[in-house]
Structure formats: C-alpha cells, structure tokens
Amino acid sequence: MSYVRRVGHGGTLGIDYVDHGPDWAELSLPYDEKLIGMPDSGIIASGPIISLMDMATSVAIWCRLDRFRHQATLDLRVDYLRPATPGRTVIGRGECYAVTRSVAFVRGTAHDGDPADPVAHVTGTFMFTE
C-alpha cells in the first residue's frame, strides 16, 4: 500500500496508508498549510477531506474483495459535523459493508485524533467498471 502516498491525487495531497483489515482501510491526511481553505482560520478545506474519504472507502472495497478492481464513485455523501482542528492529521476510515455484481456499498468516518469525535461521516456507492 506504499503507492498511496506516491501516485495521483492522493500523492499530491500527501495521503498515506495507516492500516487495513478484511473490509476496512485507514488512511491519513497530514496537516499542510497548502490545504487550508481560508487562510485566517487554518482549517483544512473540504476538498482534501472528501478526497481522503473517497480513497479510504475505495481501498476498503479492494480489501473486501482481496484484489484491485476498477471502479468509479457513483455517490459519496459527506456529512460534516465540525471543522478539522488546525495542525492535526485527519484520519479517514472506510468500510465496505456490501458488494453486488456491479456495485459496492461503503461508509466511513474522518477524525483528527479521537474517533468518538468525528469531523465527518460518509456513505457511498461505487460501480465496477470492468
């Protein structure tokens, strides 16, 4: 999973692998001033957090399937509960809870240090493209 930090959009944002299990994956988004949405606040913009969660839930699908499979995000709903605390790394945990022949179903949370105090919840669906 070391490729996560080196390639594509996730690599540009600095997203990194943390851990995974049979149907879940955790990735991190280290705090970086270039990701701040409004300079006076120091708060990371929503876009990088959405990207983190899109990638974490995608990787969770591959963990559940035990292989890579081409897929496209059909829907990813992000419910923000609060802004991420400036200076803290955001952890995204994605879980794949169901797979059909052509669609995978995911959910997850993002937090900045305490999983019981999430920054956001996500739910989504991915369509297999092969």
C-alpha atoms as a PDB file:
ATOM      1  CA  MET A   1       0.000   0.000   0.000  1.00  0.00           C
ATOM      2  CA  SER A   2       3.019   2.313  -0.117  1.00  0.00           C
ATOM      3  CA  TYR A   3       1.824   3.512  -3.547  1.00  0.00           C
ATOM      4  CA  VAL A   4      -0.906   5.567  -1.826  1.00  0.00           C
ATOM      5  CA  ARG A   5       1.487   8.387  -0.957  1.00  0.00           C
ATOM      6  CA  ARG A   6       3.395   8.334  -4.249  1.00  0.00           C
ATOM      7  CA  VAL A   7       0.842   8.496  -7.044  1.00  0.00           C
ATOM      8  CA  GLY A   8      -2.020  10.591  -8.360  1.00  0.00           C
ATOM      9  CA  HIS A   9      -4.261  12.954  -6.499  1.00  0.00           C
ATOM     10  CA  GLY A  10      -3.719  11.229  -3.151  1.00  0.00           C
ATOM     11  CA  GLY A  11       0.034  11.510  -3.544  1.00  0.00           C
ATOM     12  CA  THR A  12      -0.227  15.220  -4.300  1.00  0.00           C
ATOM     13  CA  LEU A  13      -2.316  15.756  -1.156  1.00  0.00           C
ATOM     14  CA  GLY A  14       0.083  13.689   0.985  1.00  0.00           C
ATOM     15  CA  ILE A  15      -2.445  10.964   1.811  1.00  0.00           C
ATOM     16  CA  ASP A  16      -0.745   7.967   3.402  1.00  0.00           C
ATOM     17  CA  TYR A  17      -1.608   4.401   4.407  1.00  0.00           C
ATOM     18  CA  VAL A  18      -2.282   3.718   8.107  1.00  0.00           C
ATOM     19  CA  ASP A  19      -3.837   0.241   8.454  1.00  0.00           C
ATOM     20  CA  HIS A  20      -6.403  -2.144   6.983  1.00  0.00           C
ATOM     21  CA  GLY A  21      -8.470  -5.242   7.733  1.00  0.00           C
ATOM     22  CA  PRO A  22     -10.684  -7.646   5.799  1.00  0.00           C
ATOM     23  CA  ASP A  23     -13.250  -4.984   4.807  1.00  0.00           C
ATOM     24  CA  TRP A  24     -11.824  -1.661   6.010  1.00  0.00           C
ATOM     25  CA  ALA A  25      -8.902   0.691   5.449  1.00  0.00           C
ATOM     26  CA  GLU A  26      -7.472   3.689   7.273  1.00  0.00           C
ATOM     27  CA  LEU A  27      -5.559   6.454   5.533  1.00  0.00           C
ATOM     28  CA  SER A  28      -4.164   9.735   6.848  1.00  0.00           C
ATOM     29  CA  LEU A  29      -4.103  13.288   5.570  1.00  0.00           C
ATOM     30  CA  PRO A  30      -1.295  15.142   7.342  1.00  0.00           C
ATOM     31  CA  TYR A  31      -1.913  18.800   8.096  1.00  0.00           C
ATOM     32  CA  ASP A  32      -0.350  21.001   5.443  1.00  0.00           C
ATOM     33  CA  GLU A  33      -0.755  24.761   5.082  1.00  0.00           C
ATOM     34  CA  LYS A  34      -1.302  24.380   1.335  1.00  0.00           C
ATOM     35  CA  LEU A  35      -4.561  22.523   2.121  1.00  0.00           C
ATOM     36  CA  ILE A  36      -6.066  25.398   4.151  1.00  0.00           C
ATOM     37  CA  GLY A  37      -9.371  26.667   2.800  1.00  0.00           C
ATOM     38  CA  MET A  38      -9.457  30.107   4.434  1.00  0.00           C
ATOM     39  CA  PRO A  39      -6.015  31.403   5.451  1.00  0.00           C
ATOM     40  CA  ASP A  40      -7.214  33.222   8.582  1.00  0.00           C
ATOM     41  CA  SER A  41      -8.771  30.041  10.028  1.00  0.00           C
ATOM     42  CA  GLY A  42      -6.031  27.469   9.483  1.00  0.00           C
ATOM     43  CA  ILE A  43      -8.773  24.913   8.742  1.00  0.00           C
ATOM     44  CA  ILE A  44      -8.208  22.307   6.009  1.00  0.00           C
ATOM     45  CA  ALA A  45     -10.584  22.812   3.068  1.00  0.00           C
ATOM     46  CA  SER A  46     -13.341  20.279   2.461  1.00  0.00           C
ATOM     47  CA  GLY A  47     -11.920  19.034  -0.863  1.00  0.00           C
ATOM     48  CA  PRO A  48      -8.870  17.237   0.578  1.00  0.00           C
ATOM     49  CA  ILE A  49     -11.053  15.564   3.240  1.00  0.00           C
ATOM     50  CA  ILE A  50     -13.501  14.410   0.563  1.00  0.00           C
ATOM     51  CA  SER A  51     -10.564  13.016  -1.428  1.00  0.00           C
ATOM     52  CA  LEU A  52      -9.250  11.231   1.681  1.00  0.00           C
ATOM     53  CA  MET A  53     -12.606   9.588   2.276  1.00  0.00           C
ATOM     54  CA  ASP A  54     -13.105   8.684  -1.382  1.00  0.00           C
ATOM     55  CA  MET A  55      -9.734   6.939  -1.347  1.00  0.00           C
ATOM     56  CA  ALA A  56     -10.234   5.258   2.076  1.00  0.00           C
ATOM     57  CA  THR A  57     -13.588   3.807   1.042  1.00  0.00           C
ATOM     58  CA  SER A  58     -12.159   2.712  -2.336  1.00  0.00           C
ATOM     59  CA  VAL A  59      -9.301   0.874  -0.648  1.00  0.00           C
ATOM     60  CA  ALA A  60     -11.805  -0.741   1.741  1.00  0.00           C
ATOM     61  CA  ILE A  61     -13.543  -2.264  -1.292  1.00  0.00           C
ATOM     62  CA  TRP A  62     -10.263  -3.754  -2.523  1.00  0.00           C
ATOM     63  CA  CYS A  63      -9.639  -5.132   0.974  1.00  0.00           C
ATOM     64  CA  ARG A  64     -13.060  -6.808   0.998  1.00  0.00           C
ATOM     65  CA  LEU A  65     -12.520  -8.248  -2.499  1.00  0.00           C
ATOM     66  CA  ASP A  66      -8.908  -9.147  -1.657  1.00  0.00           C
ATOM     67  CA  ARG A  67      -7.853  -7.654  -5.004  1.00  0.00           C
ATOM     68  CA  PHE A  68      -7.807  -4.457  -7.008  1.00  0.00           C
ATOM     69  CA  ARG A  69     -10.832  -3.897  -9.217  1.00  0.00           C
ATOM     70  CA  HIS A  70     -11.512  -0.859 -11.408  1.00  0.00           C
ATOM     71  CA  GLN A  71     -14.380   1.217 -10.038  1.00  0.00           C
ATOM     72  CA  ALA A  72     -15.936   4.656 -10.258  1.00  0.00           C
ATOM     73  CA  THR A  73     -17.524   6.663  -7.470  1.00  0.00           C
ATOM     74  CA  LEU A  74     -21.270   6.812  -8.121  1.00  0.00           C
ATOM     75  CA  ASP A  75     -22.221   8.664  -4.957  1.00  0.00           C
ATOM     76  CA  LEU A  76     -20.303   9.835  -1.908  1.00  0.00           C
ATOM     77  CA  ARG A  77     -22.320  11.705   0.675  1.00  0.00           C
ATOM     78  CA  VAL A  78     -20.218  13.618   3.198  1.00  0.00           C
ATOM     79  CA  ASP A  79     -21.873  14.928   6.364  1.00  0.00           C
ATOM     80  CA  TYR A  80     -19.541  17.404   8.066  1.00  0.00           C
ATOM     81  CA  LEU A  81     -20.018  17.542  11.818  1.00  0.00           C
ATOM     82  CA  ARG A  82     -17.297  20.080  12.580  1.00  0.00           C
ATOM     83  CA  PRO A  83     -14.129  21.561  11.073  1.00  0.00           C
ATOM     84  CA  ALA A  84     -10.890  19.628  11.477  1.00  0.00           C
ATOM     85  CA  THR A  85      -8.657  21.134  14.146  1.00  0.00           C
ATOM     86  CA  PRO A  86      -5.837  23.185  12.583  1.00  0.00           C
ATOM     87  CA  GLY A  87      -2.453  21.480  12.883  1.00  0.00           C
ATOM     88  CA  ARG A  88      -3.823  17.944  13.269  1.00  0.00           C
ATOM     89  CA  THR A  89      -3.649  15.000  10.885  1.00  0.00           C
ATOM     90  CA  VAL A  90      -7.042  13.792   9.678  1.00  0.00           C
ATOM     91  CA  ILE A  91      -7.590  10.026   9.724  1.00  0.00           C
ATOM     92  CA  GLY A  92     -10.102   8.541   7.299  1.00  0.00           C
ATOM     93  CA  ARG A  93     -11.525   5.090   7.939  1.00  0.00           C
ATOM     94  CA  GLY A  94     -13.567   3.486   5.184  1.00  0.00           C
ATOM     95  CA  GLU A  95     -15.567   0.271   5.418  1.00  0.00           C
ATOM     96  CA  CYS A  96     -17.099  -1.785   2.615  1.00  0.00           C
ATOM     97  CA  TYR A  97     -20.222  -3.417   4.015  1.00  0.00           C
ATOM     98  CA  ALA A  98     -21.767  -4.961   0.884  1.00  0.00           C
ATOM     99  CA  VAL A  99     -20.815  -5.918  -2.669  1.00  0.00           C
ATOM    100  CA  THR A 100     -23.058  -6.934  -5.555  1.00  0.00           C
ATOM    101  CA  ARG A 101     -22.055  -7.971  -9.060  1.00  0.00           C
ATOM    102  CA  SER A 102     -21.679  -4.348 -10.168  1.00  0.00           C
ATOM    103  CA  VAL A 103     -21.844  -2.082  -7.079  1.00  0.00           C
ATOM    104  CA  ALA A 104     -20.015  -1.793  -3.743  1.00  0.00           C
ATOM    105  CA  PHE A 105     -21.515  -0.026  -0.704  1.00  0.00           C
ATOM    106  CA  VAL A 106     -19.321   1.898   1.740  1.00  0.00           C
ATOM    107  CA  ARG A 107     -19.402   4.031   4.868  1.00  0.00           C
ATOM    108  CA  GLY A 108     -16.776   5.727   6.952  1.00  0.00           C
ATOM    109  CA  THR A 109     -15.647   8.451   9.301  1.00  0.00           C
ATOM    110  CA  ALA A 110     -12.945  11.089   9.380  1.00  0.00           C
ATOM    111  CA  HIS A 111     -11.465  12.326  12.662  1.00  0.00           C
ATOM    112  CA  ASP A 112      -8.489  14.333  13.813  1.00  0.00           C
ATOM    113  CA  GLY A 113      -7.395  12.316  16.818  1.00  0.00           C
ATOM    114  CA  ASP A 114     -10.497  10.997  18.546  1.00  0.00           C
ATOM    115  CA  PRO A 115     -12.692   8.544  16.606  1.00  0.00           C
ATOM    116  CA  ALA A 116     -15.519   9.318  19.047  1.00  0.00           C
ATOM    117  CA  ASP A 117     -15.440  12.978  17.921  1.00  0.00           C
ATOM    118  CA  PRO A 118     -15.617  12.698  14.112  1.00  0.00           C
ATOM    119  CA  VAL A 119     -15.076  15.511  11.644  1.00  0.00           C
ATOM    120  CA  ALA A 120     -17.347  13.820   9.100  1.00  0.00           C
ATOM    121  CA  HIS A 121     -19.375  10.724   8.269  1.00  0.00           C
ATOM    122  CA  VAL A 122     -19.576   9.359   4.723  1.00  0.00           C
ATOM    123  CA  THR A 123     -21.726   6.859   2.858  1.00  0.00           C
ATOM    124  CA  GLY A 124     -21.385   5.947  -0.749  1.00  0.00           C
ATOM    125  CA  THR A 125     -21.598   3.589  -3.673  1.00  0.00           C
ATOM    126  CA  PHE A 126     -19.018   2.611  -6.263  1.00  0.00           C
ATOM    127  CA  MET A 127     -19.705   0.987  -9.624  1.00  0.00           C
ATOM    128  CA  PHE A 128     -17.312  -1.594 -11.013  1.00  0.00           C
ATOM    129  CA  THR A 129     -16.146  -0.574 -14.466  1.00  0.00           C
ATOM    130  CA  GLU A 130     -14.842  -3.907 -15.718  1.00  0.00           C
END
